[in-house]
Amino acid sequence: MPDDFLLRPLDAPPAYAAVVERVRRAVALGVLLPGDRLPSERALAEGLGVSRVTVREALRVLQGERLLITKRGNGGTVVAPTVARLGDDPDGVDYGRRLDEVFELRLAVESMAARLAARRGRPEGLRWLDSCQEALRASSDVHTFRRADSEFHLAVARLSGNSMLSQVIEDARAAAFSRLDRQDFAVIYESSIRGHAAVIEAIRNADPDGAAAAMAAHIEEARDEVAAVLSTRESPEVRSAG
């Protein structure tokens, strides 16, 4: 019945929950790095269009999750120096299974984004991708790698010219990488550089099929490498060592 859909109760979470999610996503994507200082309560409230009370409640939640810490004096609120690891699962959800689903989604939508970026390519877009690749090569730790890697994939998404694709890809990346740590990124560092280079070359050559294939190959390789990390963590030897 149409009314069953239309009259279903609206999902209206409290305003602070939206602020919490925005900060979580910024950390997951590498927009905020460990040690980064957040803007003041006033600046956050004005920028996000919420009250300072809402911001305070969100910060309390994030501090309770140990994602943020407050430094004494004028240190303000900063991102905690460590993040949760892949496999930590406070909600009781099978994160390995969820990650499989995220990679399936990324395989479909990011391949399409690369195809469209190659079809609609423009010089400034290529300069943007080259800049992202330079930042990836220059990354010296997991945190700067996370930022550069996210910037590349989100740049391809935006160059597709499809805002819905961009949003889906941002969502998927935030879900996929919220629990990856230094060990995981060390595994995928070199393959990411190779994979990104292949995607850029296909886009530079205005080769939609090649760009889609290069992105698919890159994501499949990343999926296999992360699966290997998960398998290692789940082995009896690793569990007993912990």
C-alpha atoms as a PDB file:
ATOM      1  CA  MET A   1       0.000   0.000   0.000  1.00  0.00           C
ATOM      2  CA  PRO A   2       1.330   3.489  -0.829  1.00  0.00           C
ATOM      3  CA  ASP A   3       0.313   4.727   2.612  1.00  0.00           C
ATOM      4  CA  ASP A   4       2.559   2.111   4.228  1.00  0.00           C
ATOM      5  CA  PHE A   5       5.534   3.888   2.728  1.00  0.00           C
ATOM      6  CA  LEU A   6       4.326   7.471   2.916  1.00  0.00           C
ATOM      7  CA  LEU A   7       3.159   7.293   6.520  1.00  0.00           C
ATOM      8  CA  ARG A   8       6.107   5.366   7.887  1.00  0.00           C
ATOM      9  CA  PRO A   9       7.554   7.304  10.879  1.00  0.00           C
ATOM     10  CA  LEU A  10      10.380   9.619   9.920  1.00  0.00           C
ATOM     11  CA  ASP A  11      13.863   8.836  11.125  1.00  0.00           C
ATOM     12  CA  ALA A  12      14.863  12.070  12.823  1.00  0.00           C
ATOM     13  CA  PRO A  13      17.997  11.554  14.929  1.00  0.00           C
ATOM     14  CA  PRO A  14      18.999  14.302  17.351  1.00  0.00           C
ATOM     15  CA  ALA A  15      21.065  17.112  15.858  1.00  0.00           C
ATOM     16  CA  TYR A  16      24.174  16.178  17.827  1.00  0.00           C
ATOM     17  CA  ALA A  17      24.205  12.765  16.104  1.00  0.00           C
ATOM     18  CA  ALA A  18      24.689  14.453  12.733  1.00  0.00           C
ATOM     19  CA  VAL A  19      27.657  16.381  14.123  1.00  0.00           C
ATOM     20  CA  VAL A  20      29.115  13.169  15.555  1.00  0.00           C
ATOM     21  CA  GLU A  21      28.788  11.462  12.169  1.00  0.00           C
ATOM     22  CA  ARG A  22      30.397  14.397  10.355  1.00  0.00           C
ATOM     23  CA  VAL A  23      33.462  14.267  12.608  1.00  0.00           C
ATOM     24  CA  ARG A  24      33.690  10.465  12.421  1.00  0.00           C
ATOM     25  CA  ARG A  25      33.622  10.655   8.640  1.00  0.00           C
ATOM     26  CA  ALA A  26      36.268  13.387   8.550  1.00  0.00           C
ATOM     27  CA  VAL A  27      38.581  11.191  10.624  1.00  0.00           C
ATOM     28  CA  ALA A  28      37.837   8.055   8.586  1.00  0.00           C
ATOM     29  CA  LEU A  29      38.580   9.857   5.311  1.00  0.00           C
ATOM     30  CA  GLY A  30      41.736  11.477   6.621  1.00  0.00           C
ATOM     31  CA  VAL A  31      40.337  14.992   6.470  1.00  0.00           C
ATOM     32  CA  LEU A  32      41.134  15.176  10.182  1.00  0.00           C
ATOM     33  CA  LEU A  33      44.376  13.519  11.243  1.00  0.00           C
ATOM     34  CA  PRO A  34      45.497  12.413  14.719  1.00  0.00           C
ATOM     35  CA  GLY A  35      46.634  15.466  16.629  1.00  0.00           C
ATOM     36  CA  ASP A  36      44.626  17.877  14.476  1.00  0.00           C
ATOM     37  CA  ARG A  37      42.868  20.525  16.487  1.00  0.00           C
ATOM     38  CA  LEU A  38      39.162  21.042  15.889  1.00  0.00           C
ATOM     39  CA  PRO A  39      37.750  24.528  15.356  1.00  0.00           C
ATOM     40  CA  SER A  40      36.273  26.239  18.398  1.00  0.00           C
ATOM     41  CA  GLU A  41      32.764  25.377  19.583  1.00  0.00           C
ATOM     42  CA  ARG A  42      31.564  28.676  18.188  1.00  0.00           C
ATOM     43  CA  ALA A  43      33.142  28.079  14.777  1.00  0.00           C
ATOM     44  CA  LEU A  44      31.743  24.542  14.614  1.00  0.00           C
ATOM     45  CA  ALA A  45      28.272  25.728  15.583  1.00  0.00           C
ATOM     46  CA  GLU A  46      28.272  28.495  12.986  1.00  0.00           C
ATOM     47  CA  GLY A  47      29.755  26.330  10.244  1.00  0.00           C
ATOM     48  CA  LEU A  48      27.405  23.398  10.822  1.00  0.00           C
ATOM     49  CA  GLY A  49      24.338  25.522  11.495  1.00  0.00           C
ATOM     50  CA  VAL A  50      23.664  24.097  14.950  1.00  0.00           C
ATOM     51  CA  SER A  51      23.724  25.426  18.495  1.00  0.00           C
ATOM     52  CA  ARG A  52      26.781  25.374  20.724  1.00  0.00           C
ATOM     53  CA  VAL A  53      24.873  23.072  23.084  1.00  0.00           C
ATOM     54  CA  THR A  54      24.538  20.602  20.204  1.00  0.00           C
ATOM     55  CA  VAL A  55      28.261  20.850  19.482  1.00  0.00           C
ATOM     56  CA  ARG A  56      29.124  20.242  23.150  1.00  0.00           C
ATOM     57  CA  GLU A  57      26.946  17.127  23.250  1.00  0.00           C
ATOM     58  CA  ALA A  58      28.566  15.797  20.075  1.00  0.00           C
ATOM     59  CA  LEU A  59      32.044  16.411  21.458  1.00  0.00           C
ATOM     60  CA  ARG A  60      31.133  14.568  24.670  1.00  0.00           C
ATOM     61  CA  VAL A  61      30.041  11.553  22.628  1.00  0.00           C
ATOM     62  CA  LEU A  62      33.218  11.595  20.535  1.00  0.00           C
ATOM     63  CA  GLN A  63      35.383  11.940  23.621  1.00  0.00           C
ATOM     64  CA  GLY A  64      33.546   8.997  25.157  1.00  0.00           C
ATOM     65  CA  GLU A  65      34.432   6.992  22.040  1.00  0.00           C
ATOM     66  CA  ARG A  66      38.054   8.099  22.489  1.00  0.00           C
ATOM     67  CA  LEU A  67      38.058   9.599  19.029  1.00  0.00           C
ATOM     68  CA  LEU A  68      38.715  13.063  20.455  1.00  0.00           C
ATOM     69  CA  ILE A  69      40.628  14.229  23.497  1.00  0.00           C
ATOM     70  CA  THR A  70      40.722  17.569  25.283  1.00  0.00           C
ATOM     71  CA  LYS A  71      44.093  19.112  26.038  1.00  0.00           C
ATOM     72  CA  ARG A  72      44.529  21.273  29.078  1.00  0.00           C
ATOM     73  CA  GLY A  73      45.215  24.955  28.801  1.00  0.00           C
ATOM     74  CA  ASN A  74      44.683  26.314  25.320  1.00  0.00           C
ATOM     75  CA  GLY A  75      45.163  22.952  23.612  1.00  0.00           C
ATOM     76  CA  GLY A  76      41.497  22.681  22.774  1.00  0.00           C
ATOM     77  CA  THR A  77      39.905  19.517  21.391  1.00  0.00           C
ATOM     78  CA  VAL A  78      42.071  17.367  19.138  1.00  0.00           C
ATOM     79  CA  VAL A  79      41.811  14.058  17.307  1.00  0.00           C
ATOM     80  CA  ALA A  80      43.150  11.227  19.463  1.00  0.00           C
ATOM     81  CA  PRO A  81      46.612   9.904  18.541  1.00  0.00           C
ATOM     82  CA  THR A  82      45.298   6.382  17.893  1.00  0.00           C
ATOM     83  CA  VAL A  83      42.244   5.055  16.085  1.00  0.00           C
ATOM     84  CA  ALA A  84      40.277   1.823  16.370  1.00  0.00           C
ATOM     85  CA  ARG A  85      41.647  -1.123  14.434  1.00  0.00           C
ATOM     86  CA  LEU A  86      39.939  -3.099  11.724  1.00  0.00           C
ATOM     87  CA  GLY A  87      38.177  -5.952  13.463  1.00  0.00           C
ATOM     88  CA  ASP A  88      37.288  -3.999  16.595  1.00  0.00           C
ATOM     89  CA  ASP A  89      33.531  -4.267  16.673  1.00  0.00           C
ATOM     90  CA  PRO A  90      31.801  -2.530  19.569  1.00  0.00           C
ATOM     91  CA  ASP A  91      28.414  -2.905  17.883  1.00  0.00           C
ATOM     92  CA  GLY A  92      28.671  -6.668  17.507  1.00  0.00           C
ATOM     93  CA  VAL A  93      28.500  -6.447  13.712  1.00  0.00           C
ATOM     94  CA  ASP A  94      30.521  -8.815  11.520  1.00  0.00           C
ATOM     95  CA  TYR A  95      32.866  -6.171  10.160  1.00  0.00           C
ATOM     96  CA  GLY A  96      34.563  -8.579   7.768  1.00  0.00           C
ATOM     97  CA  ARG A  97      31.234  -9.278   6.075  1.00  0.00           C
ATOM     98  CA  ARG A  98      30.379  -5.586   6.019  1.00  0.00           C
ATOM     99  CA  LEU A  99      33.723  -4.851   4.397  1.00  0.00           C
ATOM    100  CA  ASP A 100      32.982  -7.385   1.645  1.00  0.00           C
ATOM    101  CA  GLU A 101      29.772  -5.535   0.906  1.00  0.00           C
ATOM    102  CA  VAL A 102      31.551  -2.182   0.871  1.00  0.00           C
ATOM    103  CA  PHE A 103      34.122  -3.433  -1.632  1.00  0.00           C
ATOM    104  CA  GLU A 104      31.375  -4.857  -3.839  1.00  0.00           C
ATOM    105  CA  LEU A 105      29.733  -1.444  -3.835  1.00  0.00           C
ATOM    106  CA  ARG A 106      33.015   0.353  -4.511  1.00  0.00           C
ATOM    107  CA  LEU A 107      33.814  -1.997  -7.374  1.00  0.00           C
ATOM    108  CA  ALA A 108      30.584  -1.041  -9.110  1.00  0.00           C
ATOM    109  CA  VAL A 109      30.373   2.682  -8.449  1.00  0.00           C
ATOM    110  CA  GLU A 110      34.056   3.657  -8.582  1.00  0.00           C
ATOM    111  CA  SER A 111      34.536   1.847 -11.884  1.00  0.00           C
ATOM    112  CA  MET A 112      31.641   3.852 -13.280  1.00  0.00           C
ATOM    113  CA  ALA A 113      33.076   7.059 -11.834  1.00  0.00           C
ATOM    114  CA  ALA A 114      36.424   6.390 -13.526  1.00  0.00           C
ATOM    115  CA  ARG A 115      34.665   5.649 -16.811  1.00  0.00           C
ATOM    116  CA  LEU A 116      32.764   8.941 -16.664  1.00  0.00           C
ATOM    117  CA  ALA A 117      35.870  10.866 -15.594  1.00  0.00           C
ATOM    118  CA  ALA A 118      37.709   9.583 -18.684  1.00  0.00           C
ATOM    119  CA  ARG A 119      34.758  10.433 -20.900  1.00  0.00           C
ATOM    120  CA  ARG A 120      34.343  13.913 -19.450  1.00  0.00           C
ATOM    121  CA  GLY A 121      38.000  14.569 -18.692  1.00  0.00           C
ATOM    122  CA  ARG A 122      39.456  18.059 -18.676  1.00  0.00           C
ATOM    123  CA  PRO A 123      43.014  19.356 -18.178  1.00  0.00           C
ATOM    124  CA  GLU A 124      42.436  20.795 -14.716  1.00  0.00           C
ATOM    125  CA  GLY A 125      41.031  17.438 -13.616  1.00  0.00           C
ATOM    126  CA  LEU A 126      44.214  15.662 -14.675  1.00  0.00           C
ATOM    127  CA  ARG A 127      46.321  18.197 -12.803  1.00  0.00           C
ATOM    128  CA  TRP A 128      44.201  17.505  -9.736  1.00  0.00           C
ATOM    129  CA  LEU A 129      44.745  13.747 -10.026  1.00  0.00           C
ATOM    130  CA  ASP A 130      48.484  14.213 -10.578  1.00  0.00           C
ATOM    131  CA  SER A 131      48.621  16.343  -7.430  1.00  0.00           C
ATOM    132  CA  CYS A 132      46.804  13.629  -5.467  1.00  0.00           C
ATOM    133  CA  GLN A 133      49.280  11.042  -6.729  1.00  0.00           C
ATOM    134  CA  GLU A 134      52.241  13.195  -5.703  1.00  0.00           C
ATOM    135  CA  ALA A 135      50.754  13.544  -2.225  1.00  0.00           C
ATOM    136  CA  LEU A 136      50.305   9.772  -2.016  1.00  0.00           C
ATOM    137  CA  ARG A 137      53.933   9.137  -2.963  1.00  0.00           C
ATOM    138  CA  ALA A 138      55.084  11.706  -0.410  1.00  0.00           C
ATOM    139  CA  SER A 139      52.982  10.288   2.429  1.00  0.00           C
ATOM    140  CA  SER A 140      55.212   9.298   5.316  1.00  0.00           C
ATOM    141  CA  ASP A 141      52.771   7.529   7.613  1.00  0.00           C
ATOM    142  CA  VAL A 142      49.360   5.919   7.750  1.00  0.00           C
ATOM    143  CA  HIS A 143      47.596   9.185   8.430  1.00  0.00           C
ATOM    144  CA  THR A 144      48.966  11.198   5.522  1.00  0.00           C
ATOM    145  CA  PHE A 145      48.458   8.149   3.295  1.00  0.00           C
ATOM    146  CA  ARG A 146      44.818   7.922   4.334  1.00  0.00           C
ATOM    147  CA  ARG A 147      44.272  11.572   3.439  1.00  0.00           C
ATOM    148  CA  ALA A 148      46.031  11.364   0.055  1.00  0.00           C
ATOM    149  CA  ASP A 149      44.303   8.108  -0.895  1.00  0.00           C
ATOM    150  CA  SER A 150      40.894   9.519  -0.048  1.00  0.00           C
ATOM    151  CA  GLU A 151      41.612  12.715  -1.971  1.00  0.00           C
ATOM    152  CA  PHE A 152      42.425  10.701  -5.091  1.00  0.00           C
ATOM    153  CA  HIS A 153      39.318   8.530  -5.034  1.00  0.00           C
ATOM    154  CA  LEU A 154      37.039  11.450  -4.200  1.00  0.00           C
ATOM    155  CA  ALA A 155      38.678  13.493  -6.976  1.00  0.00           C
ATOM    156  CA  VAL A 156      37.862  10.770  -9.518  1.00  0.00           C
ATOM    157  CA  ALA A 157      34.311  10.717  -8.172  1.00  0.00           C
ATOM    158  CA  ARG A 158      33.917  14.470  -8.585  1.00  0.00           C
ATOM    159  CA  LEU A 159      35.462  14.420 -12.057  1.00  0.00           C
ATOM    160  CA  SER A 160      32.741  11.971 -13.065  1.00  0.00           C
ATOM    161  CA  GLY A 161      30.358  14.921 -12.960  1.00  0.00           C
ATOM    162  CA  ASN A 162      27.768  12.848 -11.091  1.00  0.00           C
ATOM    163  CA  SER A 163      27.072  14.200  -7.607  1.00  0.00           C
ATOM    164  CA  MET A 164      25.173  11.078  -6.538  1.00  0.00           C
ATOM    165  CA  LEU A 165      28.143   8.882  -7.402  1.00  0.00           C
ATOM    166  CA  SER A 166      30.377  11.193  -5.387  1.00  0.00           C
ATOM    167  CA  GLN A 167      28.182  10.872  -2.306  1.00  0.00           C
ATOM    168  CA  VAL A 168      27.966   7.084  -2.519  1.00  0.00           C
ATOM    169  CA  ILE A 169      31.738   6.773  -2.901  1.00  0.00           C
ATOM    170  CA  GLU A 170      32.370   9.059   0.057  1.00  0.00           C
ATOM    171  CA  ASP A 171      29.987   6.979   2.173  1.00  0.00           C
ATOM    172  CA  ALA A 172      31.634   3.722   1.108  1.00  0.00           C
ATOM    173  CA  ARG A 173      35.164   4.910   1.807  1.00  0.00           C
ATOM    174  CA  ALA A 174      34.220   6.197   5.242  1.00  0.00           C
ATOM    175  CA  ALA A 175      32.726   2.793   6.074  1.00  0.00           C
ATOM    176  CA  ALA A 176      35.631   0.818   4.639  1.00  0.00           C
ATOM    177  CA  PHE A 177      38.547   2.608   6.223  1.00  0.00           C
ATOM    178  CA  SER A 178      37.256   3.687   9.610  1.00  0.00           C
ATOM    179  CA  ARG A 179      39.156   0.827  11.311  1.00  0.00           C
ATOM    180  CA  LEU A 180      42.295   0.360   9.234  1.00  0.00           C
ATOM    181  CA  ASP A 181      45.607   1.020  10.975  1.00  0.00           C
ATOM    182  CA  ARG A 182      49.316   1.389  10.225  1.00  0.00           C
ATOM    183  CA  GLN A 183      49.880  -2.274   9.462  1.00  0.00           C
ATOM    184  CA  ASP A 184      47.023  -2.388   6.959  1.00  0.00           C
ATOM    185  CA  PHE A 185      48.140   0.666   5.019  1.00  0.00           C
ATOM    186  CA  ALA A 186      51.721  -0.596   4.868  1.00  0.00           C
ATOM    187  CA  VAL A 187      50.336  -3.593   2.993  1.00  0.00           C
ATOM    188  CA  ILE A 188      48.439  -1.595   0.375  1.00  0.00           C
ATOM    189  CA  TYR A 189      50.805   1.386  -0.048  1.00  0.00           C
ATOM    190  CA  GLU A 190      52.719   0.226  -3.144  1.00  0.00           C
ATOM    191  CA  SER A 191      49.711  -1.322  -4.850  1.00  0.00           C
ATOM    192  CA  SER A 192      47.750   1.885  -4.342  1.00  0.00           C
ATOM    193  CA  ILE A 193      50.424   3.924  -6.099  1.00  0.00           C
ATOM    194  CA  ARG A 194      50.425   1.479  -9.022  1.00  0.00           C
ATOM    195  CA  GLY A 195      46.651   1.313  -9.166  1.00  0.00           C
ATOM    196  CA  HIS A 196      46.198   5.067  -9.100  1.00  0.00           C
ATOM    197  CA  ALA A 197      48.821   5.511 -11.831  1.00  0.00           C
ATOM    198  CA  ALA A 198      46.941   3.125 -14.129  1.00  0.00           C
ATOM    199  CA  VAL A 199      43.657   4.960 -13.562  1.00  0.00           C
ATOM    200  CA  ILE A 200      45.258   8.351 -14.218  1.00  0.00           C
ATOM    201  CA  GLU A 201      46.883   7.119 -17.429  1.00  0.00           C
ATOM    202  CA  ALA A 202      43.572   5.821 -18.781  1.00  0.00           C
ATOM    203  CA  ILE A 203      41.796   9.072 -17.918  1.00  0.00           C
ATOM    204  CA  ARG A 204      44.648  11.035 -19.531  1.00  0.00           C
ATOM    205  CA  ASN A 205      44.189   8.967 -22.697  1.00  0.00           C
ATOM    206  CA  ALA A 206      40.406   9.551 -22.646  1.00  0.00           C
ATOM    207  CA  ASP A 207      39.908   5.775 -22.445  1.00  0.00           C
ATOM    208  CA  PRO A 208      36.645   5.121 -20.545  1.00  0.00           C
ATOM    209  CA  ASP A 209      36.882   1.323 -20.781  1.00  0.00           C
ATOM    210  CA  GLY A 210      40.510   1.369 -19.699  1.00  0.00           C
ATOM    211  CA  ALA A 211      39.782   3.686 -16.774  1.00  0.00           C
ATOM    212  CA  ALA A 212      36.937   1.481 -15.555  1.00  0.00           C
ATOM    213  CA  ALA A 213      39.095  -1.644 -15.872  1.00  0.00           C
ATOM    214  CA  ALA A 214      42.034  -0.007 -14.082  1.00  0.00           C
ATOM    215  CA  MET A 215      39.857   1.151 -11.203  1.00  0.00           C
ATOM    216  CA  ALA A 216      38.232  -2.281 -10.920  1.00  0.00           C
ATOM    217  CA  ALA A 217      41.636  -3.990 -10.841  1.00  0.00           C
ATOM    218  CA  HIS A 218      42.879  -1.547  -8.200  1.00  0.00           C
ATOM    219  CA  ILE A 219      39.870  -2.076  -5.931  1.00  0.00           C
ATOM    220  CA  GLU A 220      39.982  -5.859  -6.333  1.00  0.00           C
ATOM    221  CA  GLU A 221      43.663  -5.886  -5.372  1.00  0.00           C
ATOM    222  CA  ALA A 222      42.964  -3.707  -2.337  1.00  0.00           C
ATOM    223  CA  ARG A 223      40.102  -6.015  -1.338  1.00  0.00           C
ATOM    224  CA  ASP A 224      42.346  -9.079  -1.545  1.00  0.00           C
ATOM    225  CA  GLU A 225      45.083  -7.411   0.493  1.00  0.00           C
ATOM    226  CA  VAL A 226      42.705  -6.289   3.229  1.00  0.00           C
ATOM    227  CA  ALA A 227      41.145  -9.770   3.289  1.00  0.00           C
ATOM    228  CA  ALA A 228      44.619 -11.207   3.850  1.00  0.00           C
ATOM    229  CA  VAL A 229      45.139  -8.839   6.782  1.00  0.00           C
ATOM    230  CA  LEU A 230      41.824  -9.921   8.288  1.00  0.00           C
ATOM    231  CA  SER A 231      42.699 -13.579   7.818  1.00  0.00           C
ATOM    232  CA  THR A 232      46.008 -13.071   9.613  1.00  0.00           C
ATOM    233  CA  ARG A 233      44.334 -11.323  12.540  1.00  0.00           C
ATOM    234  CA  GLU A 234      41.780 -14.092  12.879  1.00  0.00           C
ATOM    235  CA  SER A 235      44.366 -16.902  12.940  1.00  0.00           C
ATOM    236  CA  PRO A 236      44.901 -18.719  16.282  1.00  0.00           C
ATOM    237  CA  GLU A 237      48.569 -17.667  16.339  1.00  0.00           C
ATOM    238  CA  VAL A 238      47.690 -13.986  16.089  1.00  0.00           C
ATOM    239  CA  ARG A 239      44.916 -14.243  18.672  1.00  0.00           C
ATOM    240  CA  SER A 240      47.190 -16.045  21.142  1.00  0.00           C
ATOM    241  CA  ALA A 241      49.936 -13.483  20.545  1.00  0.00           C
ATOM    242  CA  GLY A 242      47.517 -10.712  21.427  1.00  0.00           C
END
